[in-house]
N, C-alpha and C. Protein backbone atom coordinates (compact mmCIF):
# COMPACT_ATOMS: atom_id res chain seq x y z
N MET A 1 -15.41 80.99 82.24
CA MET A 1 -15.06 79.73 81.61
C MET A 1 -14.56 79.94 80.19
N ALA A 2 -15.23 80.85 79.45
CA ALA A 2 -14.84 81.10 78.06
C ALA A 2 -13.41 81.60 78.00
N ASN A 3 -13.03 82.47 78.92
CA ASN A 3 -11.65 82.96 78.93
C ASN A 3 -10.67 81.84 79.20
N GLY A 4 -11.04 80.90 80.05
CA GLY A 4 -10.18 79.76 80.34
C GLY A 4 -10.00 78.89 79.11
N VAL A 5 -11.08 78.66 78.39
CA VAL A 5 -11.00 77.86 77.16
C VAL A 5 -10.13 78.58 76.14
N CYS A 6 -10.33 79.88 76.02
CA CYS A 6 -9.54 80.69 75.09
C CYS A 6 -8.06 80.59 75.43
N ARG A 7 -7.73 80.76 76.70
CA ARG A 7 -6.33 80.67 77.11
C ARG A 7 -5.78 79.28 76.86
N THR A 8 -6.62 78.27 77.07
CA THR A 8 -6.19 76.89 76.82
C THR A 8 -5.82 76.71 75.37
N LEU A 9 -6.70 77.14 74.47
CA LEU A 9 -6.44 76.97 73.05
C LEU A 9 -5.23 77.77 72.59
N ILE A 10 -5.12 78.99 73.06
CA ILE A 10 -3.97 79.80 72.67
C ILE A 10 -2.70 79.21 73.24
N GLY A 11 -2.75 78.75 74.48
CA GLY A 11 -1.56 78.18 75.11
C GLY A 11 -1.16 76.85 74.50
N LEU A 12 -2.12 76.08 74.02
CA LEU A 12 -1.81 74.76 73.49
C LEU A 12 -1.54 74.76 72.00
N ALA A 13 -2.00 75.78 71.31
CA ALA A 13 -1.87 75.79 69.85
C ALA A 13 -0.49 76.30 69.44
N MET A 14 0.12 75.55 68.59
CA MET A 14 1.38 75.97 67.99
C MET A 14 1.20 75.93 66.48
N VAL A 15 1.66 76.96 65.80
CA VAL A 15 1.45 77.04 64.36
C VAL A 15 2.69 76.56 63.64
N ALA A 16 2.49 75.67 62.69
CA ALA A 16 3.53 75.26 61.77
C ALA A 16 2.96 75.51 60.40
N SER A 17 3.07 76.71 59.90
CA SER A 17 2.37 77.14 58.70
C SER A 17 3.04 76.63 57.43
N PRO A 18 2.24 76.15 56.46
CA PRO A 18 2.80 75.79 55.17
C PRO A 18 3.24 77.03 54.41
N PHE A 19 2.91 78.21 54.91
CA PHE A 19 3.26 79.46 54.27
C PHE A 19 4.43 80.14 54.97
N ALA A 20 5.26 79.35 55.66
CA ALA A 20 6.35 79.92 56.46
C ALA A 20 7.25 80.81 55.63
N ALA A 21 7.44 80.50 54.35
CA ALA A 21 8.29 81.31 53.49
C ALA A 21 7.59 82.60 53.09
N VAL A 22 6.28 82.70 53.31
CA VAL A 22 5.50 83.87 52.97
C VAL A 22 4.87 84.42 54.24
N PRO A 23 5.58 85.28 54.95
CA PRO A 23 5.07 85.76 56.23
C PRO A 23 3.68 86.37 56.15
N ALA A 24 3.30 86.99 55.03
CA ALA A 24 1.99 87.61 54.92
C ALA A 24 0.88 86.60 55.11
N ALA A 25 1.04 85.39 54.56
CA ALA A 25 0.01 84.37 54.69
C ALA A 25 -0.16 83.96 56.14
N ALA A 26 0.94 83.77 56.84
CA ALA A 26 0.86 83.42 58.26
C ALA A 26 0.22 84.56 59.03
N ASP A 27 0.56 85.79 58.68
CA ASP A 27 -0.05 86.94 59.34
C ASP A 27 -1.55 86.98 59.08
N ASN A 28 -1.97 86.68 57.85
CA ASN A 28 -3.38 86.68 57.52
C ASN A 28 -4.13 85.64 58.35
N TYR A 29 -3.53 84.47 58.54
CA TYR A 29 -4.17 83.43 59.35
C TYR A 29 -4.35 83.95 60.78
N ASP A 30 -3.30 84.52 61.36
CA ASP A 30 -3.38 85.05 62.72
C ASP A 30 -4.43 86.17 62.82
N ILE A 31 -4.45 87.03 61.81
CA ILE A 31 -5.43 88.12 61.80
C ILE A 31 -6.85 87.55 61.79
N CYS A 32 -7.07 86.57 60.93
CA CYS A 32 -8.41 85.97 60.82
C CYS A 32 -8.78 85.19 62.07
N TYR A 33 -7.83 84.46 62.63
CA TYR A 33 -8.10 83.68 63.84
C TYR A 33 -8.58 84.63 64.94
N LYS A 34 -7.87 85.73 65.13
CA LYS A 34 -8.24 86.70 66.17
C LYS A 34 -9.58 87.37 65.86
N LYS A 35 -9.81 87.66 64.57
CA LYS A 35 -11.06 88.30 64.16
C LYS A 35 -12.25 87.39 64.46
N ILE A 36 -12.16 86.13 64.06
CA ILE A 36 -13.25 85.19 64.29
C ILE A 36 -13.44 84.95 65.79
N GLU A 37 -12.35 84.92 66.52
CA GLU A 37 -12.44 84.74 67.97
C GLU A 37 -13.18 85.91 68.61
N ARG A 38 -12.90 87.13 68.14
CA ARG A 38 -13.61 88.31 68.66
C ARG A 38 -15.10 88.26 68.31
N GLU A 39 -15.41 87.84 67.08
CA GLU A 39 -16.79 87.84 66.62
C GLU A 39 -17.63 86.69 67.18
N PHE A 40 -17.03 85.49 67.30
CA PHE A 40 -17.79 84.31 67.66
C PHE A 40 -17.34 83.63 68.95
N GLY A 41 -16.35 84.20 69.63
CA GLY A 41 -15.84 83.58 70.85
C GLY A 41 -14.75 82.57 70.52
N PRO A 42 -14.27 81.83 71.53
CA PRO A 42 -13.17 80.89 71.32
C PRO A 42 -13.59 79.70 70.45
N TYR A 43 -12.60 78.99 69.96
CA TYR A 43 -12.79 77.83 69.08
C TYR A 43 -13.84 76.88 69.65
N THR A 44 -14.77 76.45 68.79
CA THR A 44 -15.78 75.51 69.23
C THR A 44 -15.85 74.26 68.38
N ASP A 45 -15.76 74.39 67.06
CA ASP A 45 -15.92 73.22 66.19
C ASP A 45 -15.40 73.52 64.79
N ILE A 46 -15.63 72.59 63.86
CA ILE A 46 -15.16 72.74 62.49
C ILE A 46 -15.79 73.93 61.80
N ASN A 47 -17.04 74.26 62.12
CA ASN A 47 -17.68 75.42 61.51
C ASN A 47 -16.95 76.71 61.89
N TRP A 48 -16.52 76.79 63.13
CA TRP A 48 -15.76 77.95 63.60
C TRP A 48 -14.45 78.05 62.81
N MET A 49 -13.76 76.91 62.66
CA MET A 49 -12.48 76.90 61.96
C MET A 49 -12.66 77.22 60.48
N THR A 50 -13.78 76.80 59.89
CA THR A 50 -14.05 77.10 58.49
C THR A 50 -14.14 78.60 58.28
N LYS A 51 -14.70 79.31 59.24
CA LYS A 51 -14.75 80.77 59.15
C LYS A 51 -13.34 81.36 59.09
N VAL A 52 -12.42 80.79 59.87
CA VAL A 52 -11.03 81.26 59.85
C VAL A 52 -10.42 80.98 58.48
N TRP A 53 -10.63 79.77 57.95
CA TRP A 53 -10.06 79.41 56.64
C TRP A 53 -10.61 80.32 55.54
N ASP A 54 -11.93 80.56 55.57
CA ASP A 54 -12.54 81.41 54.55
C ASP A 54 -11.96 82.82 54.60
N CYS A 55 -11.84 83.36 55.79
CA CYS A 55 -11.27 84.70 55.97
C CYS A 55 -9.83 84.75 55.47
N THR A 56 -9.03 83.75 55.83
CA THR A 56 -7.63 83.70 55.42
C THR A 56 -7.52 83.59 53.90
N ALA A 57 -8.33 82.73 53.30
CA ALA A 57 -8.31 82.57 51.84
C ALA A 57 -8.66 83.88 51.15
N GLU A 58 -9.65 84.57 51.71
CA GLU A 58 -10.06 85.84 51.12
C GLU A 58 -8.92 86.86 51.19
N LEU A 59 -8.26 86.96 52.33
CA LEU A 59 -7.14 87.90 52.47
C LEU A 59 -5.95 87.51 51.60
N ASP A 60 -5.76 86.20 51.39
CA ASP A 60 -4.65 85.72 50.57
C ASP A 60 -4.97 85.79 49.08
N GLY A 61 -6.23 86.05 48.73
CA GLY A 61 -6.62 86.11 47.33
C GLY A 61 -6.83 84.73 46.71
N ARG A 62 -7.06 83.73 47.55
CA ARG A 62 -7.32 82.37 47.06
C ARG A 62 -8.82 82.13 47.06
N SER A 63 -9.22 80.95 46.61
CA SER A 63 -10.63 80.59 46.66
C SER A 63 -11.09 80.59 48.11
N LYS A 64 -12.39 80.74 48.30
CA LYS A 64 -12.92 80.89 49.66
C LYS A 64 -12.88 79.62 50.49
N LYS A 65 -13.07 78.45 49.90
CA LYS A 65 -13.13 77.22 50.67
C LYS A 65 -11.81 76.47 50.58
N PRO A 66 -11.36 75.85 51.69
CA PRO A 66 -10.15 75.04 51.61
C PRO A 66 -10.42 73.80 50.76
N LYS A 67 -9.40 73.33 50.07
CA LYS A 67 -9.55 72.13 49.26
C LYS A 67 -9.75 70.94 50.17
N GLN A 68 -10.58 70.02 49.73
CA GLN A 68 -10.72 68.77 50.46
C GLN A 68 -9.43 68.00 50.28
N ALA A 69 -8.84 67.58 51.37
CA ALA A 69 -7.55 66.90 51.31
C ALA A 69 -7.70 65.42 51.00
N ALA A 70 -8.90 64.88 51.09
CA ALA A 70 -9.07 63.46 50.83
C ALA A 70 -10.45 63.18 50.29
N LYS A 71 -10.58 62.06 49.63
CA LYS A 71 -11.87 61.61 49.16
C LYS A 71 -12.72 61.23 50.38
N ALA A 72 -13.97 60.99 50.15
CA ALA A 72 -14.86 60.63 51.24
C ALA A 72 -14.43 59.34 51.94
N THR A 73 -13.66 58.51 51.25
CA THR A 73 -13.21 57.26 51.84
C THR A 73 -12.10 57.49 52.87
N GLY A 74 -11.51 58.67 52.88
CA GLY A 74 -10.47 58.96 53.87
C GLY A 74 -9.15 58.28 53.57
N GLU A 75 -8.89 58.02 52.30
CA GLU A 75 -7.63 57.39 51.94
C GLU A 75 -6.52 58.43 51.90
N CYS A 76 -5.45 58.16 52.63
CA CYS A 76 -4.33 59.08 52.72
C CYS A 76 -3.03 58.33 52.48
N ASN A 77 -2.07 59.03 51.89
CA ASN A 77 -0.74 58.47 51.71
C ASN A 77 0.16 59.09 52.79
N PHE A 78 0.29 58.39 53.92
CA PHE A 78 1.07 58.92 55.03
C PHE A 78 2.58 58.78 54.82
N ASP A 79 2.97 58.31 53.62
CA ASP A 79 4.39 58.30 53.26
C ASP A 79 4.78 59.58 52.55
N LYS A 80 3.80 60.37 52.11
CA LYS A 80 4.09 61.59 51.36
C LYS A 80 3.58 62.82 52.08
N ARG A 81 4.49 63.52 52.74
CA ARG A 81 4.18 64.76 53.45
C ARG A 81 3.99 65.86 52.42
N VAL A 82 2.92 66.65 52.57
CA VAL A 82 2.68 67.74 51.61
C VAL A 82 2.65 69.13 52.25
N GLY A 83 2.65 69.20 53.56
CA GLY A 83 2.63 70.52 54.18
C GLY A 83 2.47 70.45 55.68
N SER A 84 2.14 71.61 56.23
CA SER A 84 1.96 71.75 57.66
C SER A 84 0.56 72.25 57.95
N CYS A 85 0.18 72.19 59.20
CA CYS A 85 -1.14 72.63 59.63
C CYS A 85 -1.02 73.15 61.06
N LYS A 86 -2.13 73.55 61.62
CA LYS A 86 -2.16 73.99 63.01
C LYS A 86 -2.86 72.91 63.82
N GLY A 87 -2.19 72.40 64.82
CA GLY A 87 -2.77 71.38 65.69
C GLY A 87 -3.10 71.95 67.05
N THR A 88 -4.21 71.51 67.62
CA THR A 88 -4.60 71.95 68.95
C THR A 88 -5.05 70.75 69.78
N VAL A 89 -4.89 70.88 71.08
CA VAL A 89 -5.37 69.89 72.03
C VAL A 89 -6.26 70.62 73.02
N ARG A 90 -7.51 70.16 73.14
CA ARG A 90 -8.45 70.76 74.07
C ARG A 90 -8.78 69.75 75.16
N VAL A 91 -8.67 70.16 76.41
CA VAL A 91 -9.00 69.29 77.53
C VAL A 91 -10.50 69.43 77.80
N ASN A 92 -11.23 68.32 77.65
CA ASN A 92 -12.68 68.33 77.85
C ASN A 92 -13.05 68.03 79.30
N SER A 93 -12.35 67.06 79.90
CA SER A 93 -12.61 66.73 81.30
C SER A 93 -11.42 65.98 81.88
N THR A 94 -11.30 66.01 83.19
CA THR A 94 -10.23 65.30 83.88
C THR A 94 -10.83 64.54 85.06
N SER A 95 -10.10 63.50 85.47
CA SER A 95 -10.54 62.74 86.63
C SER A 95 -9.34 62.03 87.24
N GLY A 96 -9.55 61.40 88.39
CA GLY A 96 -8.51 60.59 89.01
C GLY A 96 -8.04 61.16 90.32
N SER A 97 -7.17 60.36 90.96
CA SER A 97 -6.57 60.76 92.23
C SER A 97 -5.37 59.88 92.52
N GLU A 98 -4.52 60.35 93.39
CA GLU A 98 -3.38 59.61 93.93
C GLU A 98 -2.63 58.75 92.91
N GLY A 99 -2.04 59.41 91.91
CA GLY A 99 -1.18 58.72 90.95
C GLY A 99 -1.87 58.03 89.80
N ASN A 100 -3.18 58.17 89.70
CA ASN A 100 -3.92 57.54 88.61
C ASN A 100 -4.91 58.56 88.04
N TYR A 101 -4.46 59.30 87.01
CA TYR A 101 -5.24 60.40 86.47
C TYR A 101 -5.59 60.15 85.01
N ALA A 102 -6.70 60.73 84.58
CA ALA A 102 -7.16 60.56 83.20
C ALA A 102 -7.72 61.89 82.70
N ALA A 103 -7.71 62.04 81.38
CA ALA A 103 -8.32 63.21 80.75
C ALA A 103 -8.94 62.79 79.44
N GLU A 104 -10.08 63.38 79.16
CA GLU A 104 -10.71 63.25 77.85
C GLU A 104 -10.35 64.52 77.09
N ILE A 105 -9.74 64.35 75.91
CA ILE A 105 -9.27 65.49 75.13
C ILE A 105 -9.81 65.41 73.71
N THR A 106 -9.76 66.54 73.02
CA THR A 106 -10.05 66.57 71.59
C THR A 106 -8.81 67.10 70.90
N VAL A 107 -8.29 66.32 69.97
CA VAL A 107 -7.12 66.72 69.17
C VAL A 107 -7.66 67.16 67.81
N SER A 108 -7.29 68.37 67.38
CA SER A 108 -7.80 68.93 66.13
C SER A 108 -6.67 69.40 65.24
N SER A 109 -6.96 69.43 63.95
CA SER A 109 -6.03 69.91 62.94
C SER A 109 -6.74 70.96 62.10
N SER A 110 -6.01 71.94 61.61
CA SER A 110 -6.60 72.93 60.72
C SER A 110 -6.84 72.35 59.34
N ALA A 111 -6.22 71.21 59.01
CA ALA A 111 -6.46 70.54 57.73
C ALA A 111 -7.76 69.75 57.83
N PRO A 112 -8.55 69.68 56.75
CA PRO A 112 -9.82 68.97 56.82
C PRO A 112 -9.66 67.46 56.96
N SER A 113 -8.52 66.90 56.53
CA SER A 113 -8.27 65.46 56.64
C SER A 113 -6.81 65.18 56.31
N CYS A 114 -6.42 63.93 56.41
CA CYS A 114 -5.06 63.47 56.08
C CYS A 114 -3.99 64.27 56.81
N SER A 115 -4.07 64.28 58.12
CA SER A 115 -3.05 64.99 58.89
C SER A 115 -2.67 64.19 60.13
N LYS A 116 -1.56 64.59 60.72
CA LYS A 116 -1.06 63.95 61.93
C LYS A 116 -0.66 65.05 62.91
N VAL A 117 -1.22 65.00 64.11
CA VAL A 117 -0.89 65.96 65.16
C VAL A 117 -0.02 65.25 66.19
N GLU A 118 1.17 65.79 66.42
CA GLU A 118 2.09 65.22 67.40
C GLU A 118 2.16 66.17 68.59
N TYR A 119 1.98 65.61 69.78
CA TYR A 119 1.94 66.44 70.98
C TYR A 119 2.54 65.67 72.16
N TYR A 120 2.78 66.40 73.23
CA TYR A 120 3.31 65.81 74.46
C TYR A 120 2.33 66.01 75.59
N LEU A 121 2.19 64.99 76.41
CA LEU A 121 1.50 65.09 77.70
C LEU A 121 2.63 64.98 78.71
N ASP A 122 2.92 66.08 79.37
CA ASP A 122 4.13 66.21 80.18
C ASP A 122 5.31 65.88 79.27
N ASN A 123 6.08 64.86 79.51
CA ASN A 123 7.21 64.56 78.62
C ASN A 123 6.99 63.31 77.79
N THR A 124 5.74 62.85 77.71
CA THR A 124 5.43 61.63 76.96
C THR A 124 4.86 62.01 75.59
N PRO A 125 5.48 61.52 74.50
CA PRO A 125 4.98 61.87 73.17
C PRO A 125 3.73 61.06 72.80
N TYR A 126 2.82 61.72 72.11
CA TYR A 126 1.61 61.10 71.56
C TYR A 126 1.44 61.60 70.14
N GLN A 127 0.69 60.86 69.34
CA GLN A 127 0.31 61.35 68.03
C GLN A 127 -1.10 60.89 67.71
N THR A 128 -1.82 61.74 67.01
CA THR A 128 -3.16 61.41 66.56
C THR A 128 -3.19 61.54 65.05
N VAL A 129 -3.59 60.48 64.38
CA VAL A 129 -3.69 60.45 62.93
C VAL A 129 -5.14 60.71 62.56
N LEU A 130 -5.35 61.72 61.73
CA LEU A 130 -6.69 62.12 61.31
C LEU A 130 -6.84 61.84 59.82
N LYS A 131 -7.63 60.85 59.48
CA LYS A 131 -7.78 60.45 58.07
C LYS A 131 -8.91 61.21 57.38
N ALA A 132 -10.14 60.97 57.77
CA ALA A 132 -11.28 61.55 57.07
C ALA A 132 -11.95 62.65 57.88
N ALA A 133 -11.27 63.16 58.88
CA ALA A 133 -11.84 64.21 59.74
C ALA A 133 -10.72 65.15 60.16
N ASN A 134 -11.10 66.21 60.86
CA ASN A 134 -10.07 67.12 61.34
C ASN A 134 -9.95 67.13 62.86
N SER A 135 -10.70 66.24 63.54
CA SER A 135 -10.55 66.16 64.99
C SER A 135 -10.92 64.77 65.46
N SER A 136 -10.45 64.45 66.66
CA SER A 136 -10.71 63.14 67.24
C SER A 136 -10.69 63.24 68.75
N GLY A 137 -11.61 62.53 69.38
CA GLY A 137 -11.61 62.44 70.83
C GLY A 137 -10.61 61.38 71.27
N GLU A 138 -9.89 61.65 72.34
CA GLU A 138 -8.87 60.74 72.85
C GLU A 138 -8.99 60.67 74.38
N SER A 139 -8.52 59.58 74.94
CA SER A 139 -8.37 59.44 76.38
C SER A 139 -6.88 59.31 76.66
N VAL A 140 -6.39 60.07 77.63
CA VAL A 140 -4.98 59.99 78.01
C VAL A 140 -4.90 59.77 79.51
N TYR A 141 -3.78 59.19 79.93
CA TYR A 141 -3.61 58.82 81.34
C TYR A 141 -2.24 59.26 81.82
N GLY A 142 -2.13 59.53 83.13
CA GLY A 142 -0.86 59.92 83.71
C GLY A 142 -0.83 59.66 85.20
N THR A 143 0.35 59.87 85.76
CA THR A 143 0.53 59.64 87.20
C THR A 143 0.43 60.93 88.01
N SER A 144 0.33 62.07 87.31
CA SER A 144 0.14 63.34 88.00
C SER A 144 -1.11 64.01 87.42
N PRO A 145 -1.69 64.96 88.15
CA PRO A 145 -2.90 65.62 87.66
C PRO A 145 -2.69 66.20 86.26
N ILE A 146 -3.69 66.05 85.39
CA ILE A 146 -3.61 66.50 84.00
C ILE A 146 -4.39 67.79 83.86
N SER A 147 -3.75 68.79 83.24
CA SER A 147 -4.41 70.06 82.98
C SER A 147 -3.97 70.56 81.61
N LYS A 148 -4.48 71.69 81.19
CA LYS A 148 -4.11 72.27 79.89
C LYS A 148 -2.61 72.52 79.82
N LYS A 149 -2.00 72.83 80.96
CA LYS A 149 -0.55 73.10 80.98
C LYS A 149 0.28 71.84 80.79
N SER A 150 -0.36 70.67 80.91
CA SER A 150 0.34 69.40 80.75
C SER A 150 0.64 69.09 79.29
N PHE A 151 -0.05 69.78 78.36
CA PHE A 151 0.05 69.48 76.93
C PHE A 151 0.86 70.52 76.18
N SER A 152 1.59 70.07 75.17
CA SER A 152 2.20 70.97 74.21
C SER A 152 2.17 70.29 72.85
N VAL A 153 1.73 71.03 71.84
CA VAL A 153 1.68 70.50 70.48
C VAL A 153 3.06 70.68 69.87
N ASP A 154 3.63 69.58 69.38
CA ASP A 154 4.95 69.61 68.77
C ASP A 154 4.85 70.02 67.30
N LYS A 155 4.00 69.32 66.53
CA LYS A 155 3.82 69.70 65.13
C LYS A 155 2.56 69.06 64.57
N CYS A 156 2.15 69.62 63.45
CA CYS A 156 1.00 69.15 62.72
C CYS A 156 1.43 69.04 61.26
N THR A 157 1.25 67.88 60.66
CA THR A 157 1.71 67.62 59.30
C THR A 157 0.56 67.14 58.44
N THR A 158 0.48 67.65 57.20
CA THR A 158 -0.54 67.19 56.26
C THR A 158 0.10 66.22 55.27
N TYR A 159 -0.72 65.29 54.79
CA TYR A 159 -0.26 64.25 53.88
C TYR A 159 -1.13 64.19 52.65
N GLU A 160 -0.60 63.57 51.60
CA GLU A 160 -1.28 63.46 50.32
C GLU A 160 -2.52 62.57 50.44
N SER A 161 -3.59 63.02 49.78
CA SER A 161 -4.78 62.17 49.71
C SER A 161 -4.69 61.32 48.46
N GLN A 162 -5.32 60.15 48.49
CA GLN A 162 -5.26 59.23 47.35
C GLN A 162 -6.60 59.09 46.70
């Protein structure tokens, strides 16, 4: 099962790095992601992702903790894009039959808050806006069976906090 979850996350995750102009930073993120995955298994929660951020910051020579992108109130300025992030979609459960299918998913962002993850379920676009958190549970529906292969993350964008 763990290998299936790992393949799901790797298959569904697409990176849109704010460090695209600096390949070393993107490489450091990939190095840390793989390192943490080897040490602690596949992605599980925000604590797991924090380990990746801390490792990446250390390799990049930045402070150890990522900056909080928003105040505790979760106020975001979604008119002002400030960067990119890594978005993932995890399939938690599926159900349905004969043209009426459903899935419970978790949409996550590598940003701690103020981000938007845009993804497709088959060819239908969806977006999840994350204000004061980095993940959200969602329910999605379709006319064909839903699996991890049904999803693709288009992009993840971070926005200014107010």
